[in-house]
Amino acid sequence: NGVINGLTYLAGVLGTVGAVLLAWGLSPHYALAAITCVVVS
């Protein structure tokens, strides 16, 4: 559970950073940013 919770919140860190960078770099072309979500999925 420590591993799962730790990695889950680490994913939260990377997801938040990634969203910030994508929003900053690709705004207003959010569809291009959303392609990243397809790849990760």
PDB file of all heavy atoms in Angstrom:
ATOM      1  N   ASN A   1       0.820  -1.212   0.000  1.00  0.00           N
ATOM      2  CA  ASN A   1       0.000   0.000   0.000  1.00  0.00           C
ATOM      3  C   ASN A   1       0.851   1.258   0.000  1.00  0.00           C
ATOM      4  O   ASN A   1       0.488   2.266  -0.612  1.00  0.00           O
ATOM      5  CB  ASN A   1      -0.941  -0.011   1.202  1.00  0.00           C
ATOM      6  CG  ASN A   1      -2.222  -0.765   0.929  1.00  0.00           C
ATOM      7  OD1 ASN A   1      -3.166  -0.229   0.360  1.00  0.00           O
ATOM      8  ND2 ASN A   1      -2.254  -2.037   1.318  1.00  0.00           N
ATOM      9  N   GLY A   2       2.006   1.203   0.691  1.00  0.00           N
ATOM     10  CA  GLY A   2       2.912   2.336   0.649  1.00  0.00           C
ATOM     11  C   GLY A   2       3.421   2.593  -0.754  1.00  0.00           C
ATOM     12  O   GLY A   2       3.499   3.742  -1.210  1.00  0.00           O
ATOM     13  N   VAL A   3       3.762   1.509  -1.463  1.00  0.00           N
ATOM     14  CA  VAL A   3       4.225   1.629  -2.850  1.00  0.00           C
ATOM     15  C   VAL A   3       3.121   2.198  -3.737  1.00  0.00           C
ATOM     16  O   VAL A   3       3.350   3.134  -4.515  1.00  0.00           O
ATOM     17  CB  VAL A   3       4.696   0.261  -3.379  1.00  0.00           C
ATOM     18  CG1 VAL A   3       4.954   0.319  -4.886  1.00  0.00           C
ATOM     19  CG2 VAL A   3       5.965  -0.187  -2.654  1.00  0.00           C
ATOM     20  N   ILE A   4       1.919   1.632  -3.616  1.00  0.00           N
ATOM     21  CA  ILE A   4       0.803   2.068  -4.453  1.00  0.00           C
ATOM     22  C   ILE A   4       0.471   3.538  -4.195  1.00  0.00           C
ATOM     23  O   ILE A   4       0.331   4.347  -5.130  1.00  0.00           O
ATOM     24  CB  ILE A   4      -0.441   1.190  -4.206  1.00  0.00           C
ATOM     25  CG1 ILE A   4      -0.231  -0.209  -4.808  1.00  0.00           C
ATOM     26  CG2 ILE A   4      -1.693   1.832  -4.800  1.00  0.00           C
ATOM     27  CD1 ILE A   4      -0.168  -0.225  -6.319  1.00  0.00           C
ATOM     28  N   ASN A   5       0.322   3.908  -2.905  1.00  0.00           N
ATOM     29  CA  ASN A   5      -0.012   5.302  -2.587  1.00  0.00           C
ATOM     30  C   ASN A   5       1.103   6.251  -2.994  1.00  0.00           C
ATOM     31  O   ASN A   5       0.843   7.338  -3.533  1.00  0.00           O
ATOM     32  CB  ASN A   5      -0.307   5.437  -1.095  1.00  0.00           C
ATOM     33  CG  ASN A   5      -1.702   4.995  -0.732  1.00  0.00           C
ATOM     34  OD1 ASN A   5      -2.680   5.646  -1.048  1.00  0.00           O
ATOM     35  ND2 ASN A   5      -1.813   3.853  -0.074  1.00  0.00           N
ATOM     36  N   GLY A   6       2.362   5.848  -2.738  1.00  0.00           N
ATOM     37  CA  GLY A   6       3.472   6.709  -3.116  1.00  0.00           C
ATOM     38  C   GLY A   6       3.530   6.953  -4.615  1.00  0.00           C
ATOM     39  O   GLY A   6       3.674   8.092  -5.070  1.00  0.00           O
ATOM     40  N   LEU A   7       3.401   5.884  -5.404  1.00  0.00           N
ATOM     41  CA  LEU A   7       3.450   6.025  -6.856  1.00  0.00           C
ATOM     42  C   LEU A   7       2.223   6.754  -7.399  1.00  0.00           C
ATOM     43  O   LEU A   7       2.303   7.476  -8.397  1.00  0.00           O
ATOM     44  CB  LEU A   7       3.588   4.658  -7.512  1.00  0.00           C
ATOM     45  CG  LEU A   7       4.954   3.984  -7.382  1.00  0.00           C
ATOM     46  CD1 LEU A   7       4.934   2.600  -8.020  1.00  0.00           C
ATOM     47  CD2 LEU A   7       6.045   4.841  -8.030  1.00  0.00           C
ATOM     48  N   THR A   8       1.074   6.562  -6.739  1.00  0.00           N
ATOM     49  CA  THR A   8      -0.132   7.266  -7.178  1.00  0.00           C
ATOM     50  C   THR A   8       0.046   8.770  -7.053  1.00  0.00           C
ATOM     51  O   THR A   8      -0.299   9.539  -7.968  1.00  0.00           O
ATOM     52  CB  THR A   8      -1.346   6.803  -6.360  1.00  0.00           C
ATOM     53  OG1 THR A   8      -1.577   5.412  -6.606  1.00  0.00           O
ATOM     54  CG2 THR A   8      -2.593   7.596  -6.745  1.00  0.00           C
ATOM     55  N   TYR A   9       0.598   9.208  -5.926  1.00  0.00           N
ATOM     56  CA  TYR A   9       0.781  10.644  -5.740  1.00  0.00           C
ATOM     57  C   TYR A   9       1.983  11.174  -6.520  1.00  0.00           C
ATOM     58  O   TYR A   9       1.997  12.346  -6.911  1.00  0.00           O
ATOM     59  CB  TYR A   9       0.873  10.978  -4.253  1.00  0.00           C
ATOM     60  CG  TYR A   9      -0.485  10.904  -3.605  1.00  0.00           C
ATOM     61  CD1 TYR A   9      -0.874   9.790  -2.877  1.00  0.00           C
ATOM     62  CD2 TYR A   9      -1.391  11.940  -3.766  1.00  0.00           C
ATOM     63  CE1 TYR A   9      -2.136   9.713  -2.311  1.00  0.00           C
ATOM     64  CE2 TYR A   9      -2.656  11.871  -3.203  1.00  0.00           C
ATOM     65  CZ  TYR A   9      -3.023  10.757  -2.476  1.00  0.00           C
ATOM     66  OH  TYR A   9      -4.274  10.695  -1.924  1.00  0.00           O
ATOM     67  N   LEU A  10       2.981  10.320  -6.774  1.00  0.00           N
ATOM     68  CA  LEU A  10       4.040  10.712  -7.696  1.00  0.00           C
ATOM     69  C   LEU A  10       3.463  10.925  -9.089  1.00  0.00           C
ATOM     70  O   LEU A  10       3.830  11.877  -9.792  1.00  0.00           O
ATOM     71  CB  LEU A  10       5.130   9.642  -7.738  1.00  0.00           C
ATOM     72  CG  LEU A  10       6.267   9.881  -8.736  1.00  0.00           C
ATOM     73  CD1 LEU A  10       7.000  11.175  -8.421  1.00  0.00           C
ATOM     74  CD2 LEU A  10       7.241   8.697  -8.739  1.00  0.00           C
ATOM     75  N   ALA A  11       2.525  10.057  -9.484  1.00  0.00           N
ATOM     76  CA  ALA A  11       1.833  10.252 -10.754  1.00  0.00           C
ATOM     77  C   ALA A  11       1.064  11.563 -10.755  1.00  0.00           C
ATOM     78  O   ALA A  11       0.979  12.251 -11.780  1.00  0.00           O
ATOM     79  CB  ALA A  11       0.883   9.077 -11.022  1.00  0.00           C
ATOM     80  N   GLY A  12       0.498  11.909  -9.595  1.00  0.00           N
ATOM     81  CA  GLY A  12      -0.176  13.197  -9.480  1.00  0.00           C
ATOM     82  C   GLY A  12       0.774  14.358  -9.705  1.00  0.00           C
ATOM     83  O   GLY A  12       0.427  15.353 -10.361  1.00  0.00           O
ATOM     84  N   VAL A  13       2.000  14.237  -9.160  1.00  0.00           N
ATOM     85  CA  VAL A  13       3.021  15.264  -9.377  1.00  0.00           C
ATOM     86  C   VAL A  13       3.323  15.411 -10.859  1.00  0.00           C
ATOM     87  O   VAL A  13       3.266  16.503 -11.430  1.00  0.00           O
ATOM     88  CB  VAL A  13       4.320  14.903  -8.613  1.00  0.00           C
ATOM     89  CG1 VAL A  13       5.449  15.842  -9.011  1.00  0.00           C
ATOM     90  CG2 VAL A  13       4.100  14.951  -7.118  1.00  0.00           C
ATOM     91  N   LEU A  14       3.637  14.285 -11.492  1.00  0.00           N
ATOM     92  CA  LEU A  14       3.997  14.324 -12.905  1.00  0.00           C
ATOM     93  C   LEU A  14       2.830  14.750 -13.784  1.00  0.00           C
ATOM     94  O   LEU A  14       3.007  15.477 -14.769  1.00  0.00           O
ATOM     95  CB  LEU A  14       4.515  12.948 -13.346  1.00  0.00           C
ATOM     96  CG  LEU A  14       5.789  12.464 -12.642  1.00  0.00           C
ATOM     97  CD1 LEU A  14       6.167  11.058 -13.113  1.00  0.00           C
ATOM     98  CD2 LEU A  14       6.941  13.424 -12.879  1.00  0.00           C
ATOM     99  N   GLY A  15       1.603  14.309 -13.420  1.00  0.00           N
ATOM    100  CA  GLY A  15       0.431  14.708 -14.188  1.00  0.00           C
ATOM    101  C   GLY A  15       0.160  16.191 -14.093  1.00  0.00           C
ATOM    102  O   GLY A  15      -0.162  16.847 -15.097  1.00  0.00           O
ATOM    103  N   THR A  16       0.324  16.739 -12.885  1.00  0.00           N
ATOM    104  CA  THR A  16       0.099  18.173 -12.701  1.00  0.00           C
ATOM    105  C   THR A  16       1.163  18.981 -13.436  1.00  0.00           C
ATOM    106  O   THR A  16       0.856  19.969 -14.111  1.00  0.00           O
ATOM    107  CB  THR A  16       0.096  18.525 -11.207  1.00  0.00           C
ATOM    108  OG1 THR A  16      -0.843  17.699 -10.532  1.00  0.00           O
ATOM    109  CG2 THR A  16      -0.274  19.978 -10.987  1.00  0.00           C
ATOM    110  N   VAL A  17       2.428  18.573 -13.277  1.00  0.00           N
ATOM    111  CA  VAL A  17       3.514  19.257 -13.993  1.00  0.00           C
ATOM    112  C   VAL A  17       3.299  19.150 -15.496  1.00  0.00           C
ATOM    113  O   VAL A  17       3.431  20.137 -16.242  1.00  0.00           O
ATOM    114  CB  VAL A  17       4.882  18.649 -13.608  1.00  0.00           C
ATOM    115  CG1 VAL A  17       5.982  19.192 -14.525  1.00  0.00           C
ATOM    116  CG2 VAL A  17       5.223  18.968 -12.169  1.00  0.00           C
ATOM    117  N   GLY A  18       2.961  17.942 -15.961  1.00  0.00           N
ATOM    118  CA  GLY A  18       2.743  17.745 -17.378  1.00  0.00           C
ATOM    119  C   GLY A  18       1.625  18.615 -17.924  1.00  0.00           C
ATOM    120  O   GLY A  18       1.743  19.199 -19.003  1.00  0.00           O
ATOM    121  N   ALA A  19       0.529  18.717 -17.153  1.00  0.00           N
ATOM    122  CA  ALA A  19      -0.591  19.552 -17.592  1.00  0.00           C
ATOM    123  C   ALA A  19      -0.187  21.025 -17.652  1.00  0.00           C
ATOM    124  O   ALA A  19      -0.566  21.750 -18.581  1.00  0.00           O
ATOM    125  CB  ALA A  19      -1.781  19.358 -16.650  1.00  0.00           C
ATOM    126  N   VAL A  20       0.590  21.465 -16.644  1.00  0.00           N
ATOM    127  CA  VAL A  20       1.065  22.856 -16.647  1.00  0.00           C
ATOM    128  C   VAL A  20       1.931  23.125 -17.871  1.00  0.00           C
ATOM    129  O   VAL A  20       1.757  24.125 -18.575  1.00  0.00           O
ATOM    130  CB  VAL A  20       1.850  23.155 -15.349  1.00  0.00           C
ATOM    131  CG1 VAL A  20       2.549  24.501 -15.456  1.00  0.00           C
ATOM    132  CG2 VAL A  20       0.912  23.158 -14.149  1.00  0.00           C
ATOM    133  N   LEU A  21       2.871  22.220 -18.137  1.00  0.00           N
ATOM    134  CA  LEU A  21       3.773  22.417 -19.270  1.00  0.00           C
ATOM    135  C   LEU A  21       3.021  22.356 -20.598  1.00  0.00           C
ATOM    136  O   LEU A  21       3.283  23.155 -21.508  1.00  0.00           O
ATOM    137  CB  LEU A  21       4.879  21.362 -19.237  1.00  0.00           C
ATOM    138  CG  LEU A  21       5.852  21.447 -18.060  1.00  0.00           C
ATOM    139  CD1 LEU A  21       6.843  20.290 -18.106  1.00  0.00           C
ATOM    140  CD2 LEU A  21       6.592  22.782 -18.062  1.00  0.00           C
ATOM    141  N   LEU A  22       2.084  21.417 -20.702  1.00  0.00           N
ATOM    142  CA  LEU A  22       1.315  21.309 -21.945  1.00  0.00           C
ATOM    143  C   LEU A  22       0.414  22.515 -22.144  1.00  0.00           C
ATOM    144  O   LEU A  22       0.285  23.037 -23.261  1.00  0.00           O
ATOM    145  CB  LEU A  22       0.484  20.017 -21.926  1.00  0.00           C
ATOM    146  CG  LEU A  22       1.269  18.708 -22.064  1.00  0.00           C
ATOM    147  CD1 LEU A  22       0.361  17.513 -21.791  1.00  0.00           C
ATOM    148  CD2 LEU A  22       1.879  18.597 -23.457  1.00  0.00           C
ATOM    149  N   ALA A  23      -0.232  22.969 -21.047  1.00  0.00           N
ATOM    150  CA  ALA A  23      -1.103  24.146 -21.148  1.00  0.00           C
ATOM    151  C   ALA A  23      -0.296  25.386 -21.517  1.00  0.00           C
ATOM    152  O   ALA A  23      -0.742  26.232 -22.304  1.00  0.00           O
ATOM    153  CB  ALA A  23      -1.849  24.357 -19.830  1.00  0.00           C
ATOM    154  N   TRP A  24       0.893  25.501 -20.934  1.00  0.00           N
ATOM    155  CA  TRP A  24       1.742  26.659 -21.211  1.00  0.00           C
ATOM    156  C   TRP A  24       2.316  26.608 -22.630  1.00  0.00           C
ATOM    157  O   TRP A  24       2.383  27.619 -23.324  1.00  0.00           O
ATOM    158  CB  TRP A  24       2.881  26.706 -20.194  1.00  0.00           C
ATOM    159  CG  TRP A  24       3.883  27.796 -20.446  1.00  0.00           C
ATOM    160  CD1 TRP A  24       3.726  29.137 -20.234  1.00  0.00           C
ATOM    161  CD2 TRP A  24       5.208  27.626 -20.970  1.00  0.00           C
ATOM    162  NE1 TRP A  24       4.872  29.810 -20.584  1.00  0.00           N
ATOM    163  CE2 TRP A  24       5.799  28.914 -21.035  1.00  0.00           C
ATOM    164  CE3 TRP A  24       5.950  26.514 -21.363  1.00  0.00           C
ATOM    165  CZ2 TRP A  24       7.101  29.113 -21.498  1.00  0.00           C
ATOM    166  CZ3 TRP A  24       7.252  26.708 -21.833  1.00  0.00           C
ATOM    167  CH2 TRP A  24       7.802  27.996 -21.893  1.00  0.00           C
ATOM    168  N   GLY A  25       2.723  25.426 -23.077  1.00  0.00           N
ATOM    169  CA  GLY A  25       3.403  25.308 -24.354  1.00  0.00           C
ATOM    170  C   GLY A  25       2.479  25.207 -25.556  1.00  0.00           C
ATOM    171  O   GLY A  25       2.841  25.657 -26.654  1.00  0.00           O
ATOM    172  N   LEU A  26       1.282  24.620 -25.352  1.00  0.00           N
ATOM    173  CA  LEU A  26       0.409  24.360 -26.494  1.00  0.00           C
ATOM    174  C   LEU A  26      -0.880  25.175 -26.492  1.00  0.00           C
ATOM    175  O   LEU A  26      -1.649  25.097 -27.443  1.00  0.00           O
ATOM    176  CB  LEU A  26       0.063  22.868 -26.546  1.00  0.00           C
ATOM    177  CG  LEU A  26       1.244  21.918 -26.791  1.00  0.00           C
ATOM    178  CD1 LEU A  26       0.783  20.462 -26.727  1.00  0.00           C
ATOM    179  CD2 LEU A  26       1.892  22.212 -28.148  1.00  0.00           C
ATOM    180  N   SER A  27      -1.145  25.928 -25.426  1.00  0.00           N
ATOM    181  CA  SER A  27      -2.358  26.749 -25.390  1.00  0.00           C
ATOM    182  C   SER A  27      -2.359  27.710 -26.572  1.00  0.00           C
ATOM    183  O   SER A  27      -1.324  28.327 -26.874  1.00  0.00           O
ATOM    184  CB  SER A  27      -2.408  27.532 -24.068  1.00  0.00           C
ATOM    185  OG  SER A  27      -3.529  28.374 -24.043  1.00  0.00           O
ATOM    186  N   PRO A  28      -3.494  27.849 -27.269  1.00  0.00           N
ATOM    187  CA  PRO A  28      -4.837  27.306 -26.998  1.00  0.00           C
ATOM    188  C   PRO A  28      -5.131  25.982 -27.715  1.00  0.00           C
ATOM    189  O   PRO A  28      -6.280  25.596 -27.823  1.00  0.00           O
ATOM    190  CB  PRO A  28      -5.752  28.401 -27.551  1.00  0.00           C
ATOM    191  CG  PRO A  28      -5.002  28.911 -28.754  1.00  0.00           C
ATOM    192  CD  PRO A  28      -3.535  28.812 -28.397  1.00  0.00           C
ATOM    193  N   HIS A  29      -4.097  25.274 -28.175  1.00  0.00           N
ATOM    194  CA  HIS A  29      -4.300  24.036 -28.936  1.00  0.00           C
ATOM    195  C   HIS A  29      -4.344  22.844 -27.964  1.00  0.00           C
ATOM    196  O   HIS A  29      -3.433  22.005 -27.943  1.00  0.00           O
ATOM    197  CB  HIS A  29      -3.200  23.864 -29.975  1.00  0.00           C
ATOM    198  CG  HIS A  29      -3.059  25.041 -30.904  1.00  0.00           C
ATOM    199  ND1 HIS A  29      -4.033  25.389 -31.818  1.00  0.00           N
ATOM    200  CD2 HIS A  29      -2.079  25.972 -31.033  1.00  0.00           C
ATOM    201  CE1 HIS A  29      -3.654  26.461 -32.486  1.00  0.00           C
ATOM    202  NE2 HIS A  29      -2.467  26.834 -32.022  1.00  0.00           N
ATOM    203  N   TYR A  30      -5.408  22.792 -27.179  1.00  0.00           N
ATOM    204  CA  TYR A  30      -5.490  21.764 -26.140  1.00  0.00           C
ATOM    205  C   TYR A  30      -5.711  20.371 -26.720  1.00  0.00           C
ATOM    206  O   TYR A  30      -5.417  19.377 -26.051  1.00  0.00           O
ATOM    207  CB  TYR A  30      -6.618  22.106 -25.157  1.00  0.00           C
ATOM    208  CG  TYR A  30      -6.220  23.171 -24.160  1.00  0.00           C
ATOM    209  CD1 TYR A  30      -6.367  24.517 -24.452  1.00  0.00           C
ATOM    210  CD2 TYR A  30      -5.699  22.811 -22.930  1.00  0.00           C
ATOM    211  CE1 TYR A  30      -5.994  25.490 -23.545  1.00  0.00           C
ATOM    212  CE2 TYR A  30      -5.322  23.777 -22.011  1.00  0.00           C
ATOM    213  CZ  TYR A  30      -5.467  25.120 -22.318  1.00  0.00           C
ATOM    214  OH  TYR A  30      -5.091  26.069 -21.411  1.00  0.00           O
ATOM    215  N   ALA A  31      -6.214  20.267 -27.934  1.00  0.00           N
ATOM    216  CA  ALA A  31      -6.391  18.951 -28.542  1.00  0.00           C
ATOM    217  C   ALA A  31      -5.045  18.256 -28.729  1.00  0.00           C
ATOM    218  O   ALA A  31      -4.928  17.040 -28.546  1.00  0.00           O
ATOM    219  CB  ALA A  31      -7.115  19.083 -29.883  1.00  0.00           C
ATOM    220  N   LEU A  32      -4.003  19.029 -29.077  1.00  0.00           N
ATOM    221  CA  LEU A  32      -2.667  18.450 -29.203  1.00  0.00           C
ATOM    222  C   LEU A  32      -2.167  17.950 -27.854  1.00  0.00           C
ATOM    223  O   LEU A  32      -1.540  16.896 -27.754  1.00  0.00           O
ATOM    224  CB  LEU A  32      -1.699  19.490 -29.787  1.00  0.00           C
ATOM    225  CG  LEU A  32      -1.964  19.954 -31.220  1.00  0.00           C
ATOM    226  CD1 LEU A  32      -0.980  21.044 -31.626  1.00  0.00           C
ATOM    227  CD2 LEU A  32      -1.860  18.772 -32.184  1.00  0.00           C
ATOM    228  N   ALA A  33      -2.465  18.714 -26.800  1.00  0.00           N
ATOM    229  CA  ALA A  33      -2.064  18.297 -25.459  1.00  0.00           C
ATOM    230  C   ALA A  33      -2.784  17.013 -25.055  1.00  0.00           C
ATOM    231  O   ALA A  33      -2.206  16.136 -24.397  1.00  0.00           O
ATOM    232  CB  ALA A  33      -2.362  19.415 -24.457  1.00  0.00           C
ATOM    233  N   ALA A  34      -4.060  16.892 -25.448  1.00  0.00           N
ATOM    234  CA  ALA A  34      -4.856  15.729 -25.058  1.00  0.00           C
ATOM    235  C   ALA A  34      -4.370  14.447 -25.719  1.00  0.00           C
ATOM    236  O   ALA A  34      -4.651  13.351 -25.222  1.00  0.00           O
ATOM    237  CB  ALA A  34      -6.323  15.966 -25.389  1.00  0.00           C
ATOM    238  N   ILE A  35      -3.635  14.562 -26.829  1.00  0.00           N
ATOM    239  CA  ILE A  35      -3.080  13.362 -27.468  1.00  0.00           C
ATOM    240  C   ILE A  35      -2.147  12.636 -26.504  1.00  0.00           C
ATOM    241  O   ILE A  35      -2.040  11.405 -26.518  1.00  0.00           O
ATOM    242  CB  ILE A  35      -2.358  13.746 -28.773  1.00  0.00           C
ATOM    243  CG1 ILE A  35      -3.376  14.234 -29.808  1.00  0.00           C
ATOM    244  CG2 ILE A  35      -1.563  12.572 -29.331  1.00  0.00           C
ATOM    245  CD1 ILE A  35      -2.758  14.750 -31.093  1.00  0.00           C
ATOM    246  N   THR A  36      -1.482  13.402 -25.642  1.00  0.00           N
ATOM    247  CA  THR A  36      -0.620  12.787 -24.631  1.00  0.00           C
ATOM    248  C   THR A  36      -1.420  11.837 -23.751  1.00  0.00           C
ATOM    249  O   THR A  36      -0.938  10.759 -23.373  1.00  0.00           O
ATOM    250  CB  THR A  36       0.037  13.873 -23.760  1.00  0.00           C
ATOM    251  OG1 THR A  36       0.729  14.797 -24.600  1.00  0.00           O
ATOM    252  CG2 THR A  36       1.006  13.264 -22.763  1.00  0.00           C
ATOM    253  N   CYS A  37      -2.652  12.219 -23.417  1.00  0.00           N
ATOM    254  CA  CYS A  37      -3.510  11.367 -22.589  1.00  0.00           C
ATOM    255  C   CYS A  37      -3.833  10.059 -23.304  1.00  0.00           C
ATOM    256  O   CYS A  37      -3.904   8.995 -22.672  1.00  0.00           O
ATOM    257  CB  CYS A  37      -4.798  12.109 -22.227  1.00  0.00           C
ATOM    258  SG  CYS A  37      -4.544  13.582 -21.211  1.00  0.00           S
ATOM    259  N   VAL A  38      -4.029  10.124 -24.620  1.00  0.00           N
ATOM    260  CA  VAL A  38      -4.304   8.913 -25.400  1.00  0.00           C
ATOM    261  C   VAL A  38      -3.101   7.972 -25.346  1.00  0.00           C
ATOM    262  O   VAL A  38      -3.245   6.756 -25.142  1.00  0.00           O
ATOM    263  CB  VAL A  38      -4.648   9.269 -26.858  1.00  0.00           C
ATOM    264  CG1 VAL A  38      -4.829   8.003 -27.692  1.00  0.00           C
ATOM    265  CG2 VAL A  38      -5.918  10.127 -26.906  1.00  0.00           C
ATOM    266  N   VAL A  39      -1.902   8.532 -25.487  1.00  0.00           N
ATOM    267  CA  VAL A  39      -0.685   7.712 -25.465  1.00  0.00           C
ATOM    268  C   VAL A  39      -0.502   7.056 -24.098  1.00  0.00           C
ATOM    269  O   VAL A  39      -0.214   5.851 -23.994  1.00  0.00           O
ATOM    270  CB  VAL A  39       0.539   8.573 -25.824  1.00  0.00           C
ATOM    271  CG1 VAL A  39       1.827   7.769 -25.645  1.00  0.00           C
ATOM    272  CG2 VAL A  39       0.434   9.097 -27.250  1.00  0.00           C
ATOM    273  N   VAL A  40      -0.666   7.831 -23.033  1.00  0.00           N
ATOM    274  CA  VAL A  40      -0.501   7.286 -21.681  1.00  0.00           C
ATOM    275  C   VAL A  40      -1.543   6.199 -21.410  1.00  0.00           C
ATOM    276  O   VAL A  40      -1.243   5.164 -20.805  1.00  0.00           O
ATOM    277  CB  VAL A  40      -0.595   8.411 -20.630  1.00  0.00           C
ATOM    278  CG1 VAL A  40      -0.598   7.835 -19.216  1.00  0.00           C
ATOM    279  CG2 VAL A  40       0.553   9.396 -20.786  1.00  0.00           C
ATOM    280  N   SER A  41      -2.781   6.426 -21.867  1.00  0.00           N
ATOM    281  CA  SER A  41      -3.838   5.436 -21.681  1.00  0.00           C
ATOM    282  C   SER A  41      -3.503   4.129 -22.392  1.00  0.00           C
ATOM    283  O   SER A  41      -3.711   3.037 -21.849  1.00  0.00           O
ATOM    284  CB  SER A  41      -5.168   5.992 -22.184  1.00  0.00           C
ATOM    285  OG  SER A  41      -6.204   5.062 -21.985  1.00  0.00           O
TER     286      SER A  41
END
